[in-house]
C-alpha atoms as a PDB file:
ATOM      1  CA  MET A   1     -16.131  -0.114  10.772  1.00  0.00           C
ATOM      2  CA  HIS A   2     -17.237  -1.314   7.351  1.00  0.00           C
ATOM      3  CA  HIS A   3     -15.922   0.764   4.465  1.00  0.00           C
ATOM      4  CA  LYS A   4     -17.902   1.108   1.289  1.00  0.00           C
ATOM      5  CA  ASN A   5     -16.130   1.967  -1.903  1.00  0.00           C
ATOM      6  CA  ILE A   6     -15.752   5.721  -1.929  1.00  0.00           C
ATOM      7  CA  ALA A   7     -17.624   7.771  -4.490  1.00  0.00           C
ATOM      8  CA  GLY A   8     -19.491   4.659  -5.639  1.00  0.00           C
ATOM      9  CA  LYS A   9     -16.397   3.412  -7.449  1.00  0.00           C
ATOM     10  CA  LYS A  10     -16.088  -0.145  -8.638  1.00  0.00           C
ATOM     11  CA  LYS A  11     -13.819  -2.091  -6.334  1.00  0.00           C
ATOM     12  CA  TYR A  12     -11.298  -3.226  -8.966  1.00  0.00           C
ATOM     13  CA  VAL A  13     -10.751  -0.865 -11.867  1.00  0.00           C
ATOM     14  CA  PHE A  14      -7.426  -0.297 -13.583  1.00  0.00           C
ATOM     15  CA  ARG A  15      -6.482   3.370 -13.803  1.00  0.00           C
ATOM     16  CA  LYS A  16      -3.454   5.014 -15.371  1.00  0.00           C
ATOM     17  CA  ALA A  17      -0.692   6.259 -13.087  1.00  0.00           C
ATOM     18  CA  ASN A  18      -1.482   9.548 -11.366  1.00  0.00           C
ATOM     19  CA  HIS A  19       1.338  11.555  -9.815  1.00  0.00           C
ATOM     20  CA  ILE A  20      -0.975  13.222  -7.291  1.00  0.00           C
ATOM     21  CA  TYR A  21      -0.414  10.199  -5.020  1.00  0.00           C
ATOM     22  CA  LYS A  22       3.247  11.134  -4.487  1.00  0.00           C
ATOM     23  CA  SER A  23       2.342  14.543  -3.062  1.00  0.00           C
ATOM     24  CA  ALA A  24      -0.585  13.049  -1.127  1.00  0.00           C
ATOM     25  CA  PHE A  25       1.882  10.610   0.472  1.00  0.00           C
ATOM     26  CA  VAL A  26       4.249  13.440   1.453  1.00  0.00           C
ATOM     27  CA  GLU A  27       1.345  15.306   3.053  1.00  0.00           C
ATOM     28  CA  GLU A  28       0.042  12.232   4.904  1.00  0.00           C
ATOM     29  CA  LYS A  29       3.544  11.263   6.055  1.00  0.00           C
ATOM     30  CA  ARG A  30       3.882  14.759   7.523  1.00  0.00           C
ATOM     31  CA  ARG A  31       0.577  14.329   9.404  1.00  0.00           C
ATOM     32  CA  ILE A  32       1.610  10.925  10.763  1.00  0.00           C
ATOM     33  CA  SER A  33       5.085  12.182  11.715  1.00  0.00           C
ATOM     34  CA  LYS A  34       3.550  14.863  13.932  1.00  0.00           C
ATOM     35  CA  SER A  35       2.082  12.089  16.111  1.00  0.00           C
ATOM     36  CA  VAL A  36       4.683   9.375  15.663  1.00  0.00           C
ATOM     37  CA  SER A  37       8.359   9.956  16.398  1.00  0.00           C
ATOM     38  CA  ILE A  38      10.717   9.037  13.569  1.00  0.00           C
ATOM     39  CA  ALA A  39      12.771   7.237  16.241  1.00  0.00           C
ATOM     40  CA  ASP A  40       9.764   4.960  16.818  1.00  0.00           C
ATOM     41  CA  ALA A  41       8.685   4.305  13.230  1.00  0.00           C
ATOM     42  CA  ALA A  42       9.709   4.629   9.586  1.00  0.00           C
ATOM     43  CA  ILE A  43       7.122   5.638   6.989  1.00  0.00           C
ATOM     44  CA  GLU A  44       7.340   4.599   3.324  1.00  0.00           C
ATOM     45  CA  HIS A  45       5.179   4.937   0.220  1.00  0.00           C
ATOM     46  CA  VAL A  46       4.645   1.466  -1.273  1.00  0.00           C
ATOM     47  CA  GLY A  47       2.199  -0.141  -3.668  1.00  0.00           C
ATOM     48  CA  SER A  48       1.468   0.816  -7.255  1.00  0.00           C
ATOM     49  CA  THR A  49       1.166   4.551  -6.651  1.00  0.00           C
ATOM     50  CA  ALA A  50       4.765   4.579  -5.355  1.00  0.00           C
ATOM     51  CA  VAL A  51       6.110   3.327  -8.701  1.00  0.00           C
ATOM     52  CA  PRO A  52       6.428   5.903 -11.490  1.00  0.00           C
ATOM     53  CA  GLU A  53       4.215   5.104 -14.491  1.00  0.00           C
ATOM     54  CA  LEU A  54       2.536   2.099 -12.835  1.00  0.00           C
ATOM     55  CA  GLY A  55      -1.234   2.169 -13.026  1.00  0.00           C
ATOM     56  CA  GLY A  56      -3.604   0.288 -10.771  1.00  0.00           C
ATOM     57  CA  LYS A  57      -6.494   0.784  -8.371  1.00  0.00           C
ATOM     58  CA  ASN A  58      -5.174   4.199  -7.325  1.00  0.00           C
ATOM     59  CA  VAL A  59      -4.973   3.400  -3.633  1.00  0.00           C
ATOM     60  CA  LEU A  60      -2.315   5.160  -1.568  1.00  0.00           C
ATOM     61  CA  ASP A  61      -0.428   2.416   0.293  1.00  0.00           C
ATOM     62  CA  ILE A  62       1.570   3.574   3.303  1.00  0.00           C
ATOM     63  CA  LEU A  63       3.944   1.249   5.130  1.00  0.00           C
ATOM     64  CA  VAL A  64       4.692   2.149   8.748  1.00  0.00           C
ATOM     65  CA  GLY A  65       7.554   0.170  10.252  1.00  0.00           C
ATOM     66  CA  LEU A  66       7.615   0.037  14.039  1.00  0.00           C
ATOM     67  CA  LYS A  67      11.211   0.464  15.248  1.00  0.00           C
ATOM     68  CA  ARG A  68      10.549   0.537  18.967  1.00  0.00           C
ATOM     69  CA  GLY A  69       7.646   0.856  21.340  1.00  0.00           C
ATOM     70  CA  ARG A  70       4.401  -1.055  21.552  1.00  0.00           C
ATOM     71  CA  ARG A  71       2.287  -1.816  18.525  1.00  0.00           C
ATOM     72  CA  ASP A  72      -0.969  -1.068  20.371  1.00  0.00           C
ATOM     73  CA  MET A  73       0.283   2.444  21.262  1.00  0.00           C
ATOM     74  CA  LEU A  74       1.033   3.174  17.612  1.00  0.00           C
ATOM     75  CA  LYS A  75      -2.311   1.653  16.638  1.00  0.00           C
ATOM     76  CA  GLU A  76      -4.073   4.137  18.950  1.00  0.00           C
ATOM     77  CA  LYS A  77      -2.110   7.076  17.503  1.00  0.00           C
ATOM     78  CA  LEU A  78      -3.075   6.062  13.966  1.00  0.00           C
ATOM     79  CA  GLN A  79      -6.717   5.723  14.975  1.00  0.00           C
ATOM     80  CA  SER A  80      -6.608   9.230  16.475  1.00  0.00           C
ATOM     81  CA  LEU A  81      -5.512  10.439  13.004  1.00  0.00           C
ATOM     82  CA  GLY A  82      -8.640   8.964  11.435  1.00  0.00           C
ATOM     83  CA  TYR A  83      -7.328   5.563  10.407  1.00  0.00           C
ATOM     84  CA  ASP A  84      -9.859   2.771  10.875  1.00  0.00           C
ATOM     85  CA  PHE A  85      -8.316  -0.475  12.096  1.00  0.00           C
ATOM     86  CA  MET A  86      -9.582  -3.432  10.082  1.00  0.00           C
ATOM     87  CA  PRO A  87      -9.366  -6.519  12.317  1.00  0.00           C
ATOM     88  CA  GLY A  88      -9.113  -9.699  10.303  1.00  0.00           C
ATOM     89  CA  SER A  89      -7.727  -7.904   7.250  1.00  0.00           C
ATOM     90  CA  GLY A  90      -4.103  -8.000   8.305  1.00  0.00           C
ATOM     91  CA  SER A  91      -1.944 -10.881   9.437  1.00  0.00           C
ATOM     92  CA  PRO A  92      -0.149 -11.791  12.672  1.00  0.00           C
ATOM     93  CA  HIS A  93       2.740  -9.587  11.493  1.00  0.00           C
ATOM     94  CA  ARG A  94       0.717  -6.743   9.922  1.00  0.00           C
ATOM     95  CA  LEU A  95      -2.065  -4.513  11.201  1.00  0.00           C
ATOM     96  CA  PHE A  96      -4.201  -3.016   8.434  1.00  0.00           C
ATOM     97  CA  PHE A  97      -5.959   0.358   8.458  1.00  0.00           C
ATOM     98  CA  ILE A  98      -8.136   2.273   5.986  1.00  0.00           C
ATOM     99  CA  LYS A  99      -8.728   5.986   5.694  1.00  0.00           C
ATOM    100  CA  ASP A 100     -10.646   7.957   3.081  1.00  0.00           C
ATOM    101  CA  ILE A 101      -9.474  11.499   2.390  1.00  0.00           C
ATOM    102  CA  LEU A 102     -10.127  14.391   0.062  1.00  0.00           C
ATOM    103  CA  TYR A 103      -6.828  15.625  -1.362  1.00  0.00           C
ATOM    104  CA  LYS A 104      -6.818  18.500  -3.850  1.00  0.00           C
ATOM    105  CA  ARG A 105     -10.510  17.822  -4.518  1.00  0.00           C
ATOM    106  CA  LYS A 106      -9.816  14.158  -5.304  1.00  0.00           C
ATOM    107  CA  ARG A 107     -11.345  11.419  -3.197  1.00  0.00           C
ATOM    108  CA  MET A 108      -8.635   9.011  -2.190  1.00  0.00           C
ATOM    109  CA  ARG A 109      -8.403   5.795  -0.209  1.00  0.00           C
ATOM    110  CA  ILE A 110      -5.384   5.082   1.974  1.00  0.00           C
ATOM    111  CA  HIS A 111      -4.341   1.576   2.996  1.00  0.00           C
ATOM    112  CA  LEU A 112      -1.903   1.731   5.890  1.00  0.00           C
ATOM    113  CA  HIS A 113       0.134  -1.339   6.804  1.00  0.00           C
ATOM    114  CA  LEU A 114       1.715  -1.386  10.276  1.00  0.00           C
ATOM    115  CA  VAL A 115       4.606  -3.859  10.398  1.00  0.00           C
ATOM    116  CA  LYS A 116       7.886  -4.428  12.208  1.00  0.00           C
ATOM    117  CA  PHE A 117      10.592  -2.187  10.764  1.00  0.00           C
ATOM    118  CA  ASP A 118      13.069  -4.251   8.750  1.00  0.00           C
ATOM    119  CA  GLY A 119      10.965  -7.372   9.345  1.00  0.00           C
ATOM    120  CA  ARG A 120       9.894  -9.760   6.588  1.00  0.00           C
ATOM    121  CA  GLU A 121       6.836  -7.771   5.440  1.00  0.00           C
ATOM    122  CA  TRP A 122       8.800  -4.493   5.475  1.00  0.00           C
ATOM    123  CA  LYS A 123      11.594  -5.984   3.367  1.00  0.00           C
ATOM    124  CA  GLN A 124       9.185  -7.622   0.908  1.00  0.00           C
ATOM    125  CA  LYS A 125       7.062  -4.533   0.271  1.00  0.00           C
ATOM    126  CA  THR A 126       9.984  -2.120  -0.083  1.00  0.00           C
ATOM    127  CA  ALA A 127      12.030  -4.546  -2.223  1.00  0.00           C
ATOM    128  CA  PHE A 128       9.071  -5.102  -4.577  1.00  0.00           C
ATOM    129  CA  ARG A 129       8.579  -1.325  -4.966  1.00  0.00           C
ATOM    130  CA  ASP A 130      12.301  -0.685  -5.489  1.00  0.00           C
ATOM    131  CA  TYR A 131      12.604  -3.476  -8.069  1.00  0.00           C
ATOM    132  CA  LEU A 132       9.685  -2.144 -10.112  1.00  0.00           C
ATOM    133  CA  THR A 133      11.110   1.372  -9.903  1.00  0.00           C
ATOM    134  CA  ARG A 134      14.368   0.123 -11.462  1.00  0.00           C
ATOM    135  CA  HIS A 135      12.876  -2.311 -14.041  1.00  0.00           C
ATOM    136  CA  LYS A 136      10.487  -0.716 -16.546  1.00  0.00           C
ATOM    137  CA  ASP A 137       9.890  -4.068 -18.277  1.00  0.00           C
ATOM    138  CA  ALA A 138       8.608  -5.493 -14.986  1.00  0.00           C
ATOM    139  CA  VAL A 139       6.268  -2.486 -14.649  1.00  0.00           C
ATOM    140  CA  ARG A 140       4.771  -3.249 -18.085  1.00  0.00           C
ATOM    141  CA  ASP A 141       4.422  -6.939 -17.186  1.00  0.00           C
ATOM    142  CA  TYR A 142       2.791  -6.117 -13.861  1.00  0.00           C
ATOM    143  CA  GLU A 143       0.336  -3.738 -15.531  1.00  0.00           C
ATOM    144  CA  ALA A 144      -0.694  -6.544 -17.895  1.00  0.00           C
ATOM    145  CA  VAL A 145      -1.202  -8.894 -14.928  1.00  0.00           C
ATOM    146  CA  LYS A 146      -3.230  -6.260 -13.080  1.00  0.00           C
ATOM    147  CA  LYS A 147      -5.473  -5.601 -16.094  1.00  0.00           C
ATOM    148  CA  LYS A 148      -6.064  -9.337 -16.437  1.00  0.00           C
ATOM    149  CA  ALA A 149      -6.838  -9.563 -12.705  1.00  0.00           C
ATOM    150  CA  VAL A 150      -9.428  -6.772 -12.965  1.00  0.00           C
ATOM    151  CA  LYS A 151     -11.175  -8.542 -15.857  1.00  0.00           C
ATOM    152  CA  MET A 152     -11.153 -11.950 -14.189  1.00  0.00           C
ATOM    153  CA  ALA A 153     -12.078 -10.765 -10.694  1.00  0.00           C
ATOM    154  CA  ASN A 154     -15.351  -9.059 -11.536  1.00  0.00           C
ATOM    155  CA  GLY A 155     -15.172  -7.369  -8.120  1.00  0.00           C
ATOM    156  CA  ASP A 156     -14.030 -10.466  -6.185  1.00  0.00           C
ATOM    157  CA  LYS A 157     -11.014  -9.743  -3.964  1.00  0.00           C
ATOM    158  CA  ASP A 158      -9.830 -13.364  -3.717  1.00  0.00           C
ATOM    159  CA  THR A 159      -9.783 -13.780  -7.498  1.00  0.00           C
ATOM    160  CA  TYR A 160      -8.089 -10.412  -7.986  1.00  0.00           C
ATOM    161  CA  MET A 161      -5.337 -11.308  -5.505  1.00  0.00           C
ATOM    162  CA  ARG A 162      -4.929 -14.878  -6.785  1.00  0.00           C
ATOM    163  CA  VAL A 163      -4.303 -13.654 -10.346  1.00  0.00           C
ATOM    164  CA  LYS A 164      -1.638 -11.182  -9.124  1.00  0.00           C
ATOM    165  CA  ASN A 165       0.042 -13.310  -6.438  1.00  0.00           C
ATOM    166  CA  GLY A 166       2.278 -15.445  -8.681  1.00  0.00           C
ATOM    167  CA  PHE A 167       3.806 -12.374 -10.299  1.00  0.00           C
ATOM    168  CA  ILE A 168       4.200 -10.582  -6.969  1.00  0.00           C
ATOM    169  CA  ARG A 169       5.907 -13.594  -5.350  1.00  0.00           C
ATOM    170  CA  ARG A 170       8.269 -14.080  -8.311  1.00  0.00           C
ATOM    171  CA  ILE A 171       9.302 -10.417  -8.471  1.00  0.00           C
ATOM    172  CA  THR A 172       9.625 -10.154  -4.681  1.00  0.00           C
ATOM    173  CA  ARG A 173      11.943 -13.202  -4.604  1.00  0.00           C
ATOM    174  CA  GLU A 174      14.080 -11.687  -7.363  1.00  0.00           C
ATOM    175  CA  ALA A 175      14.021  -8.269  -5.674  1.00  0.00           C
ATOM    176  CA  LEU A 176      15.192  -9.671  -2.339  1.00  0.00           C
ATOM    177  CA  ARG A 177      17.871 -11.781  -4.048  1.00  0.00           C
ATOM    178  CA  THR A 178      19.338  -8.811  -5.934  1.00  0.00           C
ATOM    179  CA  ARG A 179      18.802  -6.125  -3.297  1.00  0.00           C
ATOM    180  CA  LYS A 180      21.832  -4.039  -2.420  1.00  0.00           C
END
């Protein structure tokens, strides 16, 4: 299924941090947990909306780490909850899903990443989030990079990601190196 930008929004616009995403995550985690046993998967809030005071595209990123069971079974459960699988948008180690919701009268896009629990992608995404949560200077630096990426990208995903990738790789390396 092809997803258009919801509410006619520009694809890459920098927005100030909005705490509504924390409560939206809690609500969505509860919905997912009703279908997916916590013994089978862990569910984390990652991405910019998971970091206090970090602005960005205002997309709710959810990381689901498969602990046991088959990935295709979990994929089907997520699809039954309204998540659209986006073939070709993930990687061999990550399945990618999109869902648009209305939460407290706010249109919201969810990006759900299905990965192996405690695998490389799980560790990278959670370490990056945790590092930014602990280092306010890195949050300010990342915001500057994101604003630059929005200006340079002019709606182009590859450009947007290319501008951000160096910073993300550097912080992720440092985060993994210093992780407790």
